[in-house]
C-alpha atoms as a PDB file:
ATOM      1  CA  UNK A   1      13.448  -4.698 -60.323  1.00  0.00           C
ATOM      2  CA  UNK A   2      14.011  -8.452 -60.058  1.00  0.00           C
ATOM      3  CA  UNK A   3      10.988  -8.901 -57.806  1.00  0.00           C
ATOM      4  CA  UNK A   4       8.626  -7.179 -60.251  1.00  0.00           C
ATOM      5  CA  UNK A   5       9.984  -9.234 -63.178  1.00  0.00           C
ATOM      6  CA  UNK A   6       9.333 -12.451 -61.264  1.00  0.00           C
ATOM      7  CA  UNK A   7       5.849 -11.215 -60.380  1.00  0.00           C
ATOM      8  CA  UNK A   8       4.989 -10.496 -64.025  1.00  0.00           C
ATOM      9  CA  UNK A   9       6.290 -13.938 -65.039  1.00  0.00           C
ATOM     10  CA  UNK A  10       4.160 -15.596 -62.363  1.00  0.00           C
ATOM     11  CA  UNK A  11       1.040 -13.772 -63.606  1.00  0.00           C
ATOM     12  CA  UNK A  12       1.704 -14.930 -67.181  1.00  0.00           C
ATOM     13  CA  UNK A  13       2.106 -18.533 -66.011  1.00  0.00           C
ATOM     14  CA  UNK A  14      -1.171 -18.368 -64.079  1.00  0.00           C
ATOM     15  CA  UNK A  15      -3.016 -16.938 -67.080  1.00  0.00           C
ATOM     16  CA  UNK A  16      -1.644 -19.713 -69.297  1.00  0.00           C
ATOM     17  CA  UNK A  17      -2.594 -22.390 -66.766  1.00  0.00           C
ATOM     18  CA  UNK A  18      -6.135 -21.094 -66.451  1.00  0.00           C
ATOM     19  CA  UNK A  19      -6.579 -20.879 -70.219  1.00  0.00           C
ATOM     20  CA  UNK A  20      -5.281 -24.443 -70.638  1.00  0.00           C
ATOM     21  CA  UNK A  21      -7.634 -25.811 -67.977  1.00  0.00           C
ATOM     22  CA  UNK A  22     -10.634 -24.036 -69.497  1.00  0.00           C
ATOM     23  CA  UNK A  23      -9.957 -25.233 -73.048  1.00  0.00           C
ATOM     24  CA  UNK A  24      -8.760 -28.768 -72.246  1.00  0.00           C
ATOM     25  CA  UNK A  25     -10.538 -32.083 -72.822  1.00  0.00           C
ATOM     26  CA  UNK A  26     -12.556 -34.145 -70.321  1.00  0.00           C
ATOM     27  CA  UNK A  27      -9.262 -35.367 -68.860  1.00  0.00           C
ATOM     28  CA  UNK A  28      -8.856 -31.889 -67.373  1.00  0.00           C
ATOM     29  CA  UNK A  29     -12.357 -31.798 -65.830  1.00  0.00           C
ATOM     30  CA  UNK A  30     -10.949 -31.728 -62.291  1.00  0.00           C
ATOM     31  CA  UNK A  31      -8.598 -28.915 -63.280  1.00  0.00           C
ATOM     32  CA  UNK A  32     -11.500 -27.065 -64.847  1.00  0.00           C
ATOM     33  CA  UNK A  33     -13.490 -27.284 -61.618  1.00  0.00           C
ATOM     34  CA  UNK A  34     -10.598 -25.918 -59.568  1.00  0.00           C
ATOM     35  CA  UNK A  35      -9.763 -23.165 -62.058  1.00  0.00           C
ATOM     36  CA  UNK A  36     -13.395 -22.102 -62.265  1.00  0.00           C
ATOM     37  CA  UNK A  37     -13.206 -21.233 -58.563  1.00  0.00           C
ATOM     38  CA  UNK A  38      -9.949 -19.270 -58.874  1.00  0.00           C
ATOM     39  CA  UNK A  39      -9.783 -15.573 -59.679  1.00  0.00           C
ATOM     40  CA  UNK A  40      -6.417 -14.022 -60.594  1.00  0.00           C
ATOM     41  CA  UNK A  41      -5.641 -10.324 -60.654  1.00  0.00           C
ATOM     42  CA  UNK A  42      -3.095  -7.556 -60.936  1.00  0.00           C
ATOM     43  CA  UNK A  43      -3.214  -4.350 -58.920  1.00  0.00           C
ATOM     44  CA  UNK A  44      -1.336  -1.126 -58.278  1.00  0.00           C
ATOM     45  CA  UNK A  45      -1.903   2.089 -56.407  1.00  0.00           C
ATOM     46  CA  UNK A  46      -0.862   4.727 -53.874  1.00  0.00           C
ATOM     47  CA  UNK A  47       0.207   4.338 -50.233  1.00  0.00           C
ATOM     48  CA  UNK A  48      -0.248   6.985 -47.544  1.00  0.00           C
ATOM     49  CA  UNK A  49       1.762   5.746 -44.561  1.00  0.00           C
ATOM     50  CA  UNK A  50       2.991   6.892 -41.156  1.00  0.00           C
ATOM     51  CA  UNK A  51       4.258   5.575 -37.809  1.00  0.00           C
ATOM     52  CA  UNK A  52       1.793   5.051 -34.950  1.00  0.00           C
ATOM     53  CA  UNK A  53       2.854   5.747 -31.331  1.00  0.00           C
ATOM     54  CA  UNK A  54       6.156   7.311 -32.413  1.00  0.00           C
ATOM     55  CA  UNK A  55       7.523   9.822 -29.883  1.00  0.00           C
ATOM     56  CA  UNK A  56       8.864  12.224 -32.529  1.00  0.00           C
ATOM     57  CA  UNK A  57       6.741  14.389 -34.852  1.00  0.00           C
ATOM     58  CA  UNK A  58       6.042  12.848 -38.251  1.00  0.00           C
ATOM     59  CA  UNK A  59       4.081  13.520 -41.419  1.00  0.00           C
ATOM     60  CA  UNK A  60       2.612  10.917 -43.790  1.00  0.00           C
ATOM     61  CA  UNK A  61       4.817   9.574 -46.579  1.00  0.00           C
ATOM     62  CA  UNK A  62       3.409   9.043 -50.077  1.00  0.00           C
ATOM     63  CA  UNK A  63       4.497   5.735 -51.623  1.00  0.00           C
ATOM     64  CA  UNK A  64       3.076   3.071 -53.912  1.00  0.00           C
ATOM     65  CA  UNK A  65       2.296  -0.630 -54.169  1.00  0.00           C
ATOM     66  CA  UNK A  66       2.002  -3.084 -57.064  1.00  0.00           C
ATOM     67  CA  UNK A  67       1.592  -6.805 -57.479  1.00  0.00           C
ATOM     68  CA  UNK A  68      -0.711  -9.740 -58.134  1.00  0.00           C
ATOM     69  CA  UNK A  69      -3.545 -11.548 -56.357  1.00  0.00           C
ATOM     70  CA  UNK A  70      -5.279 -14.911 -56.369  1.00  0.00           C
ATOM     71  CA  UNK A  71      -8.675 -15.667 -54.824  1.00  0.00           C
ATOM     72  CA  UNK A  72     -10.542 -18.918 -54.197  1.00  0.00           C
ATOM     73  CA  UNK A  73     -14.327 -18.511 -54.454  1.00  0.00           C
ATOM     74  CA  UNK A  74     -16.308 -20.615 -51.993  1.00  0.00           C
ATOM     75  CA  UNK A  75     -19.448 -19.124 -53.549  1.00  0.00           C
ATOM     76  CA  UNK A  76     -20.073 -16.373 -56.095  1.00  0.00           C
ATOM     77  CA  UNK A  77     -20.095 -13.882 -53.219  1.00  0.00           C
ATOM     78  CA  UNK A  78     -17.716 -15.249 -50.569  1.00  0.00           C
ATOM     79  CA  UNK A  79     -14.000 -15.886 -51.147  1.00  0.00           C
ATOM     80  CA  UNK A  80     -10.514 -15.859 -49.624  1.00  0.00           C
ATOM     81  CA  UNK A  81      -7.871 -13.739 -51.375  1.00  0.00           C
ATOM     82  CA  UNK A  82      -4.088 -13.628 -51.143  1.00  0.00           C
ATOM     83  CA  UNK A  83      -2.011 -10.775 -52.558  1.00  0.00           C
ATOM     84  CA  UNK A  84       1.702 -10.587 -53.360  1.00  0.00           C
ATOM     85  CA  UNK A  85       2.705  -6.931 -53.296  1.00  0.00           C
ATOM     86  CA  UNK A  86       5.755  -4.704 -53.421  1.00  0.00           C
ATOM     87  CA  UNK A  87       4.975  -1.823 -51.040  1.00  0.00           C
ATOM     88  CA  UNK A  88       6.945   1.394 -50.439  1.00  0.00           C
ATOM     89  CA  UNK A  89       5.916   3.010 -47.143  1.00  0.00           C
ATOM     90  CA  UNK A  90       7.318   4.741 -44.062  1.00  0.00           C
ATOM     91  CA  UNK A  91       7.044   8.295 -42.690  1.00  0.00           C
ATOM     92  CA  UNK A  92       8.504  11.799 -42.812  1.00  0.00           C
ATOM     93  CA  UNK A  93      10.433  12.688 -39.644  1.00  0.00           C
ATOM     94  CA  UNK A  94      10.158  16.373 -38.731  1.00  0.00           C
ATOM     95  CA  UNK A  95      12.478  18.620 -36.745  1.00  0.00           C
ATOM     96  CA  UNK A  96      15.693  16.647 -37.206  1.00  0.00           C
ATOM     97  CA  UNK A  97      19.172  18.067 -37.712  1.00  0.00           C
ATOM     98  CA  UNK A  98      18.690  17.803 -41.490  1.00  0.00           C
ATOM     99  CA  UNK A  99      15.130  19.103 -41.395  1.00  0.00           C
ATOM    100  CA  UNK A 100      12.382  16.815 -42.670  1.00  0.00           C
ATOM    101  CA  UNK A 101      13.798  13.355 -43.341  1.00  0.00           C
ATOM    102  CA  UNK A 102      12.051  10.683 -45.381  1.00  0.00           C
ATOM    103  CA  UNK A 103      12.098   7.181 -43.941  1.00  0.00           C
ATOM    104  CA  UNK A 104      11.384   4.792 -46.835  1.00  0.00           C
ATOM    105  CA  UNK A 105      10.705   1.122 -46.143  1.00  0.00           C
ATOM    106  CA  UNK A 106      10.377  -1.314 -49.046  1.00  0.00           C
ATOM    107  CA  UNK A 107       8.407  -4.463 -48.210  1.00  0.00           C
ATOM    108  CA  UNK A 108       7.096  -7.568 -49.887  1.00  0.00           C
ATOM    109  CA  UNK A 109       3.611  -7.706 -48.366  1.00  0.00           C
ATOM    110  CA  UNK A 110       1.449 -10.855 -48.379  1.00  0.00           C
ATOM    111  CA  UNK A 111      -2.077 -10.034 -47.144  1.00  0.00           C
ATOM    112  CA  UNK A 112      -4.690 -12.797 -46.810  1.00  0.00           C
ATOM    113  CA  UNK A 113      -8.267 -11.558 -46.511  1.00  0.00           C
ATOM    114  CA  UNK A 114     -11.770 -12.950 -46.400  1.00  0.00           C
ATOM    115  CA  UNK A 115     -13.911 -11.052 -48.900  1.00  0.00           C
ATOM    116  CA  UNK A 116     -17.647 -10.716 -49.357  1.00  0.00           C
ATOM    117  CA  UNK A 117     -18.680  -9.297 -52.745  1.00  0.00           C
ATOM    118  CA  UNK A 118     -22.266  -8.478 -53.608  1.00  0.00           C
ATOM    119  CA  UNK A 119     -23.843  -9.323 -56.971  1.00  0.00           C
ATOM    120  CA  UNK A 120     -23.584  -5.640 -57.905  1.00  0.00           C
ATOM    121  CA  UNK A 121     -19.796  -5.671 -57.362  1.00  0.00           C
ATOM    122  CA  UNK A 122     -19.328  -3.855 -54.047  1.00  0.00           C
ATOM    123  CA  UNK A 123     -17.193  -5.709 -51.499  1.00  0.00           C
ATOM    124  CA  UNK A 124     -15.783  -5.646 -47.977  1.00  0.00           C
ATOM    125  CA  UNK A 125     -12.697  -7.529 -46.806  1.00  0.00           C
ATOM    126  CA  UNK A 126     -10.759  -8.202 -43.615  1.00  0.00           C
ATOM    127  CA  UNK A 127      -7.732 -10.256 -42.647  1.00  0.00           C
ATOM    128  CA  UNK A 128      -4.024 -10.030 -41.847  1.00  0.00           C
ATOM    129  CA  UNK A 129      -0.757  -9.543 -43.684  1.00  0.00           C
ATOM    130  CA  UNK A 130       2.916 -10.344 -43.243  1.00  0.00           C
ATOM    131  CA  UNK A 131       5.625  -8.103 -44.672  1.00  0.00           C
ATOM    132  CA  UNK A 132       9.303  -8.840 -45.349  1.00  0.00           C
ATOM    133  CA  UNK A 133      11.564  -5.787 -45.363  1.00  0.00           C
ATOM    134  CA  UNK A 134      13.703  -5.606 -48.500  1.00  0.00           C
ATOM    135  CA  UNK A 135      15.316  -2.190 -48.094  1.00  0.00           C
ATOM    136  CA  UNK A 136      15.328   0.775 -45.725  1.00  0.00           C
ATOM    137  CA  UNK A 137      16.412   4.352 -46.374  1.00  0.00           C
ATOM    138  CA  UNK A 138      16.663   7.303 -43.997  1.00  0.00           C
ATOM    139  CA  UNK A 139      17.144  10.755 -45.520  1.00  0.00           C
ATOM    140  CA  UNK A 140      18.377   9.151 -48.737  1.00  0.00           C
ATOM    141  CA  UNK A 141      20.935   6.897 -47.023  1.00  0.00           C
ATOM    142  CA  UNK A 142      20.622   3.128 -47.349  1.00  0.00           C
ATOM    143  CA  UNK A 143      20.524   1.761 -43.785  1.00  0.00           C
ATOM    144  CA  UNK A 144      19.587  -1.821 -44.672  1.00  0.00           C
ATOM    145  CA  UNK A 145      22.891  -3.212 -43.394  1.00  0.00           C
ATOM    146  CA  UNK A 146      22.412  -1.406 -40.050  1.00  0.00           C
ATOM    147  CA  UNK A 147      19.008  -3.111 -39.599  1.00  0.00           C
ATOM    148  CA  UNK A 148      17.349  -0.075 -38.019  1.00  0.00           C
ATOM    149  CA  UNK A 149      13.929  -1.627 -38.701  1.00  0.00           C
ATOM    150  CA  UNK A 150      12.668  -5.152 -38.070  1.00  0.00           C
ATOM    151  CA  UNK A 151      12.778  -7.616 -40.952  1.00  0.00           C
ATOM    152  CA  UNK A 152       9.232  -8.922 -40.382  1.00  0.00           C
ATOM    153  CA  UNK A 153       6.154  -6.714 -40.098  1.00  0.00           C
ATOM    154  CA  UNK A 154       2.670  -8.053 -39.310  1.00  0.00           C
ATOM    155  CA  UNK A 155      -0.568  -6.111 -39.575  1.00  0.00           C
ATOM    156  CA  UNK A 156      -4.349  -6.367 -39.501  1.00  0.00           C
ATOM    157  CA  UNK A 157      -6.037  -5.231 -42.730  1.00  0.00           C
ATOM    158  CA  UNK A 158      -9.526  -4.246 -43.799  1.00  0.00           C
ATOM    159  CA  UNK A 159     -10.981  -2.634 -46.883  1.00  0.00           C
ATOM    160  CA  UNK A 160     -13.856  -1.813 -49.222  1.00  0.00           C
ATOM    161  CA  UNK A 161     -14.151  -1.495 -52.972  1.00  0.00           C
ATOM    162  CA  UNK A 162     -16.024  -2.131 -56.186  1.00  0.00           C
ATOM    163  CA  UNK A 163     -15.400  -4.566 -59.045  1.00  0.00           C
ATOM    164  CA  UNK A 164     -17.186  -4.246 -62.375  1.00  0.00           C
ATOM    165  CA  UNK A 165     -18.526  -7.176 -64.412  1.00  0.00           C
ATOM    166  CA  UNK A 166     -15.545  -6.875 -66.796  1.00  0.00           C
ATOM    167  CA  UNK A 167     -13.094  -7.308 -63.886  1.00  0.00           C
ATOM    168  CA  UNK A 168     -11.859  -3.730 -63.513  1.00  0.00           C
ATOM    169  CA  UNK A 169     -12.141  -2.320 -60.023  1.00  0.00           C
ATOM    170  CA  UNK A 170     -11.036   0.137 -57.358  1.00  0.00           C
ATOM    171  CA  UNK A 171     -10.392  -0.463 -53.690  1.00  0.00           C
ATOM    172  CA  UNK A 172      -9.233   1.116 -50.442  1.00  0.00           C
ATOM    173  CA  UNK A 173      -7.491  -0.824 -47.687  1.00  0.00           C
ATOM    174  CA  UNK A 174      -6.122   0.082 -44.256  1.00  0.00           C
ATOM    175  CA  UNK A 175      -3.261  -1.848 -42.642  1.00  0.00           C
ATOM    176  CA  UNK A 176      -2.444  -1.325 -38.950  1.00  0.00           C
ATOM    177  CA  UNK A 177       0.725  -2.969 -37.656  1.00  0.00           C
ATOM    178  CA  UNK A 178       0.551  -5.083 -34.524  1.00  0.00           C
ATOM    179  CA  UNK A 179       4.299  -5.757 -34.338  1.00  0.00           C
ATOM    180  CA  UNK A 180       7.002  -3.218 -33.482  1.00  0.00           C
ATOM    181  CA  UNK A 181       8.703  -1.673 -36.515  1.00  0.00           C
ATOM    182  CA  UNK A 182      11.874  -0.403 -34.821  1.00  0.00           C
ATOM    183  CA  UNK A 183      14.930  -2.587 -34.262  1.00  0.00           C
ATOM    184  CA  UNK A 184      17.133  -0.335 -32.123  1.00  0.00           C
ATOM    185  CA  UNK A 185      17.577   0.126 -28.336  1.00  0.00           C
ATOM    186  CA  UNK A 186      14.928   2.323 -26.724  1.00  0.00           C
ATOM    187  CA  UNK A 187      16.244   5.633 -25.369  1.00  0.00           C
ATOM    188  CA  UNK A 188      14.819   8.782 -23.825  1.00  0.00           C
ATOM    189  CA  UNK A 189      15.011  10.582 -27.171  1.00  0.00           C
ATOM    190  CA  UNK A 190      13.506   7.898 -29.403  1.00  0.00           C
ATOM    191  CA  UNK A 191      11.750   4.583 -28.826  1.00  0.00           C
ATOM    192  CA  UNK A 192      11.159   1.550 -31.020  1.00  0.00           C
ATOM    193  CA  UNK A 193       7.670   0.859 -29.725  1.00  0.00           C
ATOM    194  CA  UNK A 194       5.994   2.233 -32.855  1.00  0.00           C
ATOM    195  CA  UNK A 195       4.092   0.504 -35.620  1.00  0.00           C
ATOM    196  CA  UNK A 196       3.425   0.922 -39.326  1.00  0.00           C
ATOM    197  CA  UNK A 197       0.116   2.399 -40.418  1.00  0.00           C
ATOM    198  CA  UNK A 198      -0.786   2.458 -44.122  1.00  0.00           C
ATOM    199  CA  UNK A 199      -3.771   3.451 -46.245  1.00  0.00           C
ATOM    200  CA  UNK A 200      -3.778   2.001 -49.768  1.00  0.00           C
ATOM    201  CA  UNK A 201      -5.842   3.093 -52.751  1.00  0.00           C
ATOM    202  CA  UNK A 202      -5.752   0.578 -55.618  1.00  0.00           C
ATOM    203  CA  UNK A 203      -6.835   0.037 -59.188  1.00  0.00           C
ATOM    204  CA  UNK A 204      -7.036  -3.637 -60.145  1.00  0.00           C
ATOM    205  CA  UNK A 205      -8.092  -6.031 -62.872  1.00  0.00           C
ATOM    206  CA  UNK A 206      -9.211  -9.636 -62.308  1.00  0.00           C
ATOM    207  CA  UNK A 207      -9.568 -12.469 -64.795  1.00  0.00           C
END
């Protein structure tokens, strides 16, 4: 996908920039100081998502996420982190005319979290994220042009995890939407006053 290719290119550029700043002369001392406080990473994992407050029966949908991250370390333990993720989420609608129908929503998610990481590597994080809807599918049909779901999705996020000394880590994060996901008129049969709810399990590597 074009988005993933751009993401990989951005990671390579960041790695090159950090290496240059770390191996440069005294003229790059300011750059070295800034780069020493930055922590870049790549991550991928599984999503378990559903709709909250939906008035039809649903089951969780299994999806995935992948992307890159950058963190600025105020201290060795306290930092702010921003991720750039492709995230496939949604829900399984039950009892429809066609039986169980998968609702798949593809987002670019940008979470920003404050993170506290202990010297042993365990961490907690909390913040918010904004998502931009790229594509929507219902029962295998592309409904993006019909705009059944809102283009922008906002959520509160929180998580825990562990990062080893070599940079490899695992994490779990929960995102609860605080904006409506539906973009259609409310009716007696179905309403649009529901929100996204997603649990993410990730494997990541920082450098």
